[in-house]
Every structure is written in C-alpha cells, then in structure tokens.
Amino acid sequence: MMFWMERVGDRLRPIDMSGLRRIGVLIAAAGLAVASCGNDDDTTAVQEDSNASSESESALTETAWEVDLVQDGETTTEAPEDVDATLGIHDGQIGGNTGCNAFTGDVEVSEDQSTIIVSDVVSTLRACMDTRGELDQIVLGTLRGELTVEIDGDVLTLTNEDGTSLTLRAIDENPEDQVPEDDLNKEGENTGDEEETENTEDE
C-alpha cells in the first residue's frame, strides 16, 4: 500500500487521502450527471423530430386541400381567386372539385406517406372556358399514377412522374366531404347534367 507524505517542520507525516477520494467521487458523479443531461437532450430532440414527422404525415389524410398553383413544365399558373379547386383523401379514395368538375378515384398511400398512387379517376363532364377550363385539365391530368408527396407546414406539393406539380394549402374542411359519394360511378359516366360553363371573371 502506498502513502502520500507531507513535510511538517522537520518531520514527515501521512496525508489523509479520504478527503481527496471524496472529491474524486464528487467529480465523477458530476460528470455522469452532465452526460445524463446530454442524453436526455438528445432523446428529447429525437422525440420532437418523430412527433413533427408524424404530424406532417397524418396531415395528408386528415386535412382538406385547396389548389393554389400548378407547375406544368416551365409554366406556373395560379388558381383564379374565384375558383375553389379542392381535394381530400379518405378511406382509399381521392376526390374533390377542380373548380369546374367534381372528380373521384382510388388512391393508395405509402406507409410513410411520401407517395400516393392514383387510379380510376372519373369526373363530371362540364366544359369550362379560359383559366377555369385550363385548371380543370391540369388538375385531372396531374392526378394520375404515382405522385410524390411533400408537406411543409400547411402547404402540400404533389408531383407526378412527368414533373407536373400541384401546390395546395390546407383548409379547414373535412377531407371526407371532398370525396363525391353518389354523383359519379366507376364507368366515368356523368350522372348529372352536362353543361358548358363559361368563365364569369370580370373582363
């Protein structure tokens, strides 16, 4: 066993190491406490990231959406202010209104909700003019096949395999209410009255 000695006058005496041992124990305990706090912070950050991801994913099917603009190649078109083009996803169905025609179709949502696959889309057969008609064609043309899903806050972007995208914002409506129930059938026939609708925008 080794002893540390200290000189007192002309004599040497053993140093009491118990105090130093206590100090060493306290320092070690403090280090463990700091490490523990760091781990708690890391755990909290992971939980917050997980919660944020879960919230954004659930928003896709728990929120109704309204089209703000469409990107077709290099052309960006804003939805007219007086046209409410909406969609919602509910119980394996996607549906809504282009501002001209009501539509519905089947949809498969990936487990992480990063993609959707849209098929068997049918719509009413109203013919609309000007920007209303253009928006109708782009929306219905975009919602085909596999689309990537991006959600940033209350903004949803759907992009199809051709690169055409719809940018939508969340609205305070039930997504189930966007999916037509009785107006359409799977043969794509219009079960309502066909009509030509002119754009009523002010010249």
C-alpha atoms as a PDB file:
ATOM      1  CA  MET A   1       0.000   0.000   0.000  1.00  0.00           C
ATOM      2  CA  MET A   2       1.337   3.446  -0.869  1.00  0.00           C
ATOM      3  CA  PHE A   3       1.051   6.524   1.328  1.00  0.00           C
ATOM      4  CA  TRP A   4       1.465  10.112   0.334  1.00  0.00           C
ATOM      5  CA  MET A   5       3.560  12.079   2.833  1.00  0.00           C
ATOM      6  CA  GLU A   6       3.748  15.758   3.651  1.00  0.00           C
ATOM      7  CA  ARG A   7       6.512  17.643   5.493  1.00  0.00           C
ATOM      8  CA  VAL A   8       5.604  19.417   8.699  1.00  0.00           C
ATOM      9  CA  GLY A   9       8.646  21.218  10.023  1.00  0.00           C
ATOM     10  CA  ASP A  10      11.409  18.641  10.226  1.00  0.00           C
ATOM     11  CA  ARG A  11       9.037  15.696  10.277  1.00  0.00           C
ATOM     12  CA  LEU A  12       7.033  13.785   7.633  1.00  0.00           C
ATOM     13  CA  ARG A  13       3.527  12.617   8.239  1.00  0.00           C
ATOM     14  CA  PRO A  14       0.995  10.634   6.105  1.00  0.00           C
ATOM     15  CA  ILE A  15      -1.533  12.698   4.130  1.00  0.00           C
ATOM     16  CA  ASP A  16      -5.198  11.965   4.845  1.00  0.00           C
ATOM     17  CA  MET A  17      -6.451  10.802   1.410  1.00  0.00           C
ATOM     18  CA  SER A  18     -10.079  10.355   2.433  1.00  0.00           C
ATOM     19  CA  GLY A  19     -10.903  13.940   1.526  1.00  0.00           C
ATOM     20  CA  LEU A  20      -9.294  13.593  -1.878  1.00  0.00           C
ATOM     21  CA  ARG A  21     -11.192  10.384  -2.503  1.00  0.00           C
ATOM     22  CA  ARG A  22     -14.426  12.161  -1.649  1.00  0.00           C
ATOM     23  CA  ILE A  23     -13.543  14.957  -4.066  1.00  0.00           C
ATOM     24  CA  GLY A  24     -12.801  12.390  -6.783  1.00  0.00           C
ATOM     25  CA  VAL A  25     -16.149  10.703  -6.213  1.00  0.00           C
ATOM     26  CA  LEU A  26     -17.961  14.049  -6.427  1.00  0.00           C
ATOM     27  CA  ILE A  27     -16.185  14.954  -9.674  1.00  0.00           C
ATOM     28  CA  ALA A  28     -17.076  11.585 -11.205  1.00  0.00           C
ATOM     29  CA  ALA A  29     -20.709  11.957 -10.136  1.00  0.00           C
ATOM     30  CA  ALA A  30     -20.873  15.434 -11.654  1.00  0.00           C
ATOM     31  CA  GLY A  31     -19.505  14.078 -14.933  1.00  0.00           C
ATOM     32  CA  LEU A  32     -22.160  11.368 -15.027  1.00  0.00           C
ATOM     33  CA  ALA A  33     -24.873  13.937 -14.339  1.00  0.00           C
ATOM     34  CA  VAL A  34     -23.705  16.129 -17.244  1.00  0.00           C
ATOM     35  CA  ALA A  35     -23.577  13.115 -19.567  1.00  0.00           C
ATOM     36  CA  SER A  36     -27.057  12.110 -18.465  1.00  0.00           C
ATOM     37  CA  CYS A  37     -28.413  15.584 -19.222  1.00  0.00           C
ATOM     38  CA  GLY A  38     -26.848  15.431 -22.678  1.00  0.00           C
ATOM     39  CA  ASN A  39     -28.521  12.088 -23.360  1.00  0.00           C
ATOM     40  CA  ASP A  40     -31.867  13.474 -22.203  1.00  0.00           C
ATOM     41  CA  ASP A  41     -31.493  16.401 -24.613  1.00  0.00           C
ATOM     42  CA  ASP A  42     -30.692  14.006 -27.478  1.00  0.00           C
ATOM     43  CA  THR A  43     -33.689  11.824 -26.585  1.00  0.00           C
ATOM     44  CA  THR A  44     -35.970  14.869 -26.444  1.00  0.00           C
ATOM     45  CA  ALA A  45     -34.728  16.060 -29.849  1.00  0.00           C
ATOM     46  CA  VAL A  46     -35.381  12.639 -31.399  1.00  0.00           C
ATOM     47  CA  GLN A  47     -38.874  12.549 -29.887  1.00  0.00           C
ATOM     48  CA  GLU A  48     -39.636  16.056 -31.186  1.00  0.00           C
ATOM     49  CA  ASP A  49     -38.428  15.126 -34.688  1.00  0.00           C
ATOM     50  CA  SER A  50     -40.556  11.965 -34.579  1.00  0.00           C
ATOM     51  CA  ASN A  51     -43.622  13.906 -33.449  1.00  0.00           C
ATOM     52  CA  ALA A  52     -43.128  16.521 -36.175  1.00  0.00           C
ATOM     53  CA  SER A  53     -42.816  13.791 -38.819  1.00  0.00           C
ATOM     54  CA  SER A  54     -45.937  12.046 -37.543  1.00  0.00           C
ATOM     55  CA  GLU A  55     -47.924  15.287 -37.593  1.00  0.00           C
ATOM     56  CA  SER A  56     -46.919  16.098 -41.187  1.00  0.00           C
ATOM     57  CA  GLU A  57     -47.726  12.573 -42.339  1.00  0.00           C
ATOM     58  CA  SER A  58     -51.165  12.495 -40.730  1.00  0.00           C
ATOM     59  CA  ALA A  59     -51.968  15.913 -42.203  1.00  0.00           C
ATOM     60  CA  LEU A  60     -52.132  14.396 -45.696  1.00  0.00           C
ATOM     61  CA  THR A  61     -55.276  12.401 -44.973  1.00  0.00           C
ATOM     62  CA  GLU A  62     -56.733  14.415 -42.094  1.00  0.00           C
ATOM     63  CA  THR A  63     -56.841  17.746 -43.907  1.00  0.00           C
ATOM     64  CA  ALA A  64     -58.650  19.024 -46.983  1.00  0.00           C
ATOM     65  CA  TRP A  65     -56.562  20.953 -49.502  1.00  0.00           C
ATOM     66  CA  GLU A  66     -57.136  23.782 -51.972  1.00  0.00           C
ATOM     67  CA  VAL A  67     -55.087  24.271 -55.139  1.00  0.00           C
ATOM     68  CA  ASP A  68     -53.019  27.469 -55.117  1.00  0.00           C
ATOM     69  CA  LEU A  69     -50.960  26.974 -58.261  1.00  0.00           C
ATOM     70  CA  VAL A  70     -49.859  24.380 -60.800  1.00  0.00           C
ATOM     71  CA  GLN A  71     -46.414  23.902 -62.322  1.00  0.00           C
ATOM     72  CA  ASP A  72     -46.506  22.387 -65.806  1.00  0.00           C
ATOM     73  CA  GLY A  73     -43.003  22.280 -67.232  1.00  0.00           C
ATOM     74  CA  GLU A  74     -41.715  25.849 -67.124  1.00  0.00           C
ATOM     75  CA  THR A  75     -45.216  27.284 -66.880  1.00  0.00           C
ATOM     76  CA  THR A  76     -46.633  28.241 -63.482  1.00  0.00           C
ATOM     77  CA  THR A  77     -50.336  29.018 -63.291  1.00  0.00           C
ATOM     78  CA  GLU A  78     -52.054  30.438 -60.228  1.00  0.00           C
ATOM     79  CA  ALA A  79     -55.553  29.266 -59.461  1.00  0.00           C
ATOM     80  CA  PRO A  80     -58.079  32.069 -60.063  1.00  0.00           C
ATOM     81  CA  GLU A  81     -59.210  33.713 -56.828  1.00  0.00           C
ATOM     82  CA  ASP A  82     -62.856  32.986 -57.572  1.00  0.00           C
ATOM     83  CA  VAL A  83     -62.219  29.272 -58.266  1.00  0.00           C
ATOM     84  CA  ASP A  84     -62.133  26.810 -55.372  1.00  0.00           C
ATOM     85  CA  ALA A  85     -60.262  23.735 -56.604  1.00  0.00           C
ATOM     86  CA  THR A  86     -60.137  21.322 -53.674  1.00  0.00           C
ATOM     87  CA  LEU A  87     -59.288  17.722 -52.884  1.00  0.00           C
ATOM     88  CA  GLY A  88     -59.245  15.314 -49.987  1.00  0.00           C
ATOM     89  CA  ILE A  89     -58.121  11.748 -49.314  1.00  0.00           C
ATOM     90  CA  HIS A  90     -60.326   9.449 -47.269  1.00  0.00           C
ATOM     91  CA  ASP A  91     -60.674   5.690 -46.856  1.00  0.00           C
ATOM     92  CA  GLY A  92     -58.816   4.715 -50.044  1.00  0.00           C
ATOM     93  CA  GLN A  93     -60.486   7.399 -52.162  1.00  0.00           C
ATOM     94  CA  ILE A  94     -59.285  10.724 -53.503  1.00  0.00           C
ATOM     95  CA  GLY A  95     -61.813  13.285 -54.621  1.00  0.00           C
ATOM     96  CA  GLY A  96     -62.645  16.917 -54.910  1.00  0.00           C
ATOM     97  CA  ASN A  97     -63.562  19.609 -57.376  1.00  0.00           C
ATOM     98  CA  THR A  98     -61.388  21.289 -59.985  1.00  0.00           C
ATOM     99  CA  GLY A  99     -63.483  24.425 -59.858  1.00  0.00           C
ATOM    100  CA  CYS A 100     -65.256  23.068 -62.924  1.00  0.00           C
ATOM    101  CA  ASN A 101     -65.822  19.344 -62.422  1.00  0.00           C
ATOM    102  CA  ALA A 102     -66.228  17.063 -59.437  1.00  0.00           C
ATOM    103  CA  PHE A 103     -63.930  14.032 -59.512  1.00  0.00           C
ATOM    104  CA  THR A 104     -63.125  10.887 -57.581  1.00  0.00           C
ATOM    105  CA  GLY A 105     -60.710   7.977 -57.856  1.00  0.00           C
ATOM    106  CA  ASP A 106     -58.875   5.257 -55.997  1.00  0.00           C
ATOM    107  CA  VAL A 107     -55.716   6.104 -54.064  1.00  0.00           C
ATOM    108  CA  GLU A 108     -53.000   4.055 -52.396  1.00  0.00           C
ATOM    109  CA  VAL A 109     -50.950   5.900 -49.780  1.00  0.00           C
ATOM    110  CA  SER A 110     -47.462   4.591 -48.994  1.00  0.00           C
ATOM    111  CA  GLU A 111     -46.722   3.635 -45.394  1.00  0.00           C
ATOM    112  CA  ASP A 112     -44.558   6.711 -44.827  1.00  0.00           C
ATOM    113  CA  GLN A 113     -46.981   8.831 -46.881  1.00  0.00           C
ATOM    114  CA  SER A 114     -44.185  10.045 -49.159  1.00  0.00           C
ATOM    115  CA  THR A 115     -46.011   8.850 -52.286  1.00  0.00           C
ATOM    116  CA  ILE A 116     -49.534   8.143 -53.458  1.00  0.00           C
ATOM    117  CA  ILE A 117     -50.782   6.124 -56.430  1.00  0.00           C
ATOM    118  CA  VAL A 118     -53.964   7.448 -58.027  1.00  0.00           C
ATOM    119  CA  SER A 119     -56.057   5.335 -60.402  1.00  0.00           C
ATOM    120  CA  ASP A 120     -59.520   5.055 -61.967  1.00  0.00           C
ATOM    121  CA  VAL A 121     -60.220   8.790 -61.813  1.00  0.00           C
ATOM    122  CA  VAL A 122     -63.632   9.799 -63.114  1.00  0.00           C
ATOM    123  CA  SER A 123     -65.268  13.202 -63.243  1.00  0.00           C
ATOM    124  CA  THR A 124     -68.342  15.057 -64.313  1.00  0.00           C
ATOM    125  CA  LEU A 125     -68.273  16.334 -67.896  1.00  0.00           C
ATOM    126  CA  ARG A 126     -68.855  20.060 -67.674  1.00  0.00           C
ATOM    127  CA  ALA A 127     -66.951  22.117 -70.227  1.00  0.00           C
ATOM    128  CA  CYS A 128     -65.400  25.261 -68.759  1.00  0.00           C
ATOM    129  CA  MET A 129     -63.717  28.121 -70.539  1.00  0.00           C
ATOM    130  CA  ASP A 130     -60.497  30.111 -70.104  1.00  0.00           C
ATOM    131  CA  THR A 131     -58.432  29.665 -66.921  1.00  0.00           C
ATOM    132  CA  ARG A 132     -61.144  27.642 -65.232  1.00  0.00           C
ATOM    133  CA  GLY A 133     -61.031  25.080 -68.036  1.00  0.00           C
ATOM    134  CA  GLU A 134     -57.227  25.079 -68.120  1.00  0.00           C
ATOM    135  CA  LEU A 135     -57.058  24.453 -64.379  1.00  0.00           C
ATOM    136  CA  ASP A 136     -59.577  21.638 -64.722  1.00  0.00           C
ATOM    137  CA  GLN A 137     -57.479  19.873 -67.369  1.00  0.00           C
ATOM    138  CA  ILE A 138     -54.198  20.259 -65.474  1.00  0.00           C
ATOM    139  CA  VAL A 139     -55.597  19.059 -62.142  1.00  0.00           C
ATOM    140  CA  LEU A 140     -57.250  15.991 -63.658  1.00  0.00           C
ATOM    141  CA  GLY A 141     -54.206  15.309 -65.833  1.00  0.00           C
ATOM    142  CA  THR A 142     -51.819  15.531 -62.880  1.00  0.00           C
ATOM    143  CA  LEU A 143     -53.739  13.203 -60.579  1.00  0.00           C
ATOM    144  CA  ARG A 144     -52.726  10.028 -62.409  1.00  0.00           C
ATOM    145  CA  GLY A 145     -50.321   7.254 -61.434  1.00  0.00           C
ATOM    146  CA  GLU A 146     -47.650   7.718 -58.785  1.00  0.00           C
ATOM    147  CA  LEU A 147     -47.117  11.136 -57.239  1.00  0.00           C
ATOM    148  CA  THR A 148     -44.528  12.259 -54.709  1.00  0.00           C
ATOM    149  CA  VAL A 149     -45.841  13.972 -51.588  1.00  0.00           C
ATOM    150  CA  GLU A 150     -44.152  16.897 -49.848  1.00  0.00           C
ATOM    151  CA  ILE A 151     -45.696  18.677 -46.867  1.00  0.00           C
ATOM    152  CA  ASP A 152     -44.200  21.858 -45.439  1.00  0.00           C
ATOM    153  CA  GLY A 153     -46.402  23.272 -42.708  1.00  0.00           C
ATOM    154  CA  ASP A 154     -49.801  23.866 -44.283  1.00  0.00           C
ATOM    155  CA  VAL A 155     -48.512  23.546 -47.871  1.00  0.00           C
ATOM    156  CA  LEU A 156     -48.782  20.300 -49.845  1.00  0.00           C
ATOM    157  CA  THR A 157     -46.996  19.633 -53.141  1.00  0.00           C
ATOM    158  CA  LEU A 158     -47.998  16.695 -55.335  1.00  0.00           C
ATOM    159  CA  THR A 159     -45.697  15.923 -58.270  1.00  0.00           C
ATOM    160  CA  ASN A 160     -46.408  13.286 -60.906  1.00  0.00           C
ATOM    161  CA  GLU A 161     -43.928  11.250 -62.943  1.00  0.00           C
ATOM    162  CA  ASP A 162     -43.989  13.846 -65.754  1.00  0.00           C
ATOM    163  CA  GLY A 163     -42.842  16.577 -63.347  1.00  0.00           C
ATOM    164  CA  THR A 164     -46.173  18.397 -63.280  1.00  0.00           C
ATOM    165  CA  SER A 165     -46.999  19.512 -59.757  1.00  0.00           C
ATOM    166  CA  LEU A 166     -49.893  20.895 -57.778  1.00  0.00           C
ATOM    167  CA  THR A 167     -49.244  23.196 -54.834  1.00  0.00           C
ATOM    168  CA  LEU A 168     -52.088  23.200 -52.341  1.00  0.00           C
ATOM    169  CA  ARG A 169     -52.720  24.757 -48.947  1.00  0.00           C
ATOM    170  CA  ALA A 170     -54.619  23.256 -46.047  1.00  0.00           C
ATOM    171  CA  ILE A 171     -58.189  24.421 -45.497  1.00  0.00           C
ATOM    172  CA  ASP A 172     -60.436  23.960 -42.502  1.00  0.00           C
ATOM    173  CA  GLU A 173     -62.723  21.378 -44.065  1.00  0.00           C
ATOM    174  CA  ASN A 174     -63.286  17.649 -43.646  1.00  0.00           C
ATOM    175  CA  PRO A 175     -61.393  15.636 -46.313  1.00  0.00           C
ATOM    176  CA  GLU A 176     -64.241  13.111 -46.362  1.00  0.00           C
ATOM    177  CA  ASP A 177     -66.578  15.853 -47.575  1.00  0.00           C
ATOM    178  CA  GLN A 178     -64.393  16.400 -50.657  1.00  0.00           C
ATOM    179  CA  VAL A 179     -64.978  12.866 -51.984  1.00  0.00           C
ATOM    180  CA  PRO A 180     -68.209  12.589 -54.023  1.00  0.00           C
ATOM    181  CA  GLU A 181     -70.421   9.702 -52.975  1.00  0.00           C
ATOM    182  CA  ASP A 182     -73.374   9.466 -55.353  1.00  0.00           C
ATOM    183  CA  ASP A 183     -72.655  11.776 -58.291  1.00  0.00           C
ATOM    184  CA  LEU A 184     -70.073   9.620 -60.059  1.00  0.00           C
ATOM    185  CA  ASN A 185     -69.579   5.986 -60.970  1.00  0.00           C
ATOM    186  CA  LYS A 186     -66.602   3.875 -61.976  1.00  0.00           C
ATOM    187  CA  GLU A 187     -67.512   3.841 -65.671  1.00  0.00           C
ATOM    188  CA  GLY A 188     -66.726   7.532 -65.816  1.00  0.00           C
ATOM    189  CA  GLU A 189     -70.209   8.477 -66.946  1.00  0.00           C
ATOM    190  CA  ASN A 190     -71.613  11.788 -65.904  1.00  0.00           C
ATOM    191  CA  THR A 191     -74.633  11.073 -63.736  1.00  0.00           C
ATOM    192  CA  GLY A 192     -75.555  14.737 -63.536  1.00  0.00           C
ATOM    193  CA  ASP A 193     -76.499  17.181 -66.247  1.00  0.00           C
ATOM    194  CA  GLU A 194     -73.771  18.019 -68.724  1.00  0.00           C
ATOM    195  CA  GLU A 195     -73.396  21.704 -69.274  1.00  0.00           C
ATOM    196  CA  GLU A 196     -70.988  24.231 -70.655  1.00  0.00           C
ATOM    197  CA  THR A 197     -69.828  26.685 -68.039  1.00  0.00           C
ATOM    198  CA  GLU A 198     -68.369  29.982 -69.106  1.00  0.00           C
ATOM    199  CA  ASN A 199     -65.814  31.799 -67.006  1.00  0.00           C
ATOM    200  CA  THR A 200     -67.566  34.573 -65.121  1.00  0.00           C
ATOM    201  CA  GLU A 201     -64.395  36.533 -64.345  1.00  0.00           C
ATOM    202  CA  ASP A 202     -64.597  40.233 -64.977  1.00  0.00           C
ATOM    203  CA  GLU A 203     -63.016  41.288 -68.221  1.00  0.00           C
END
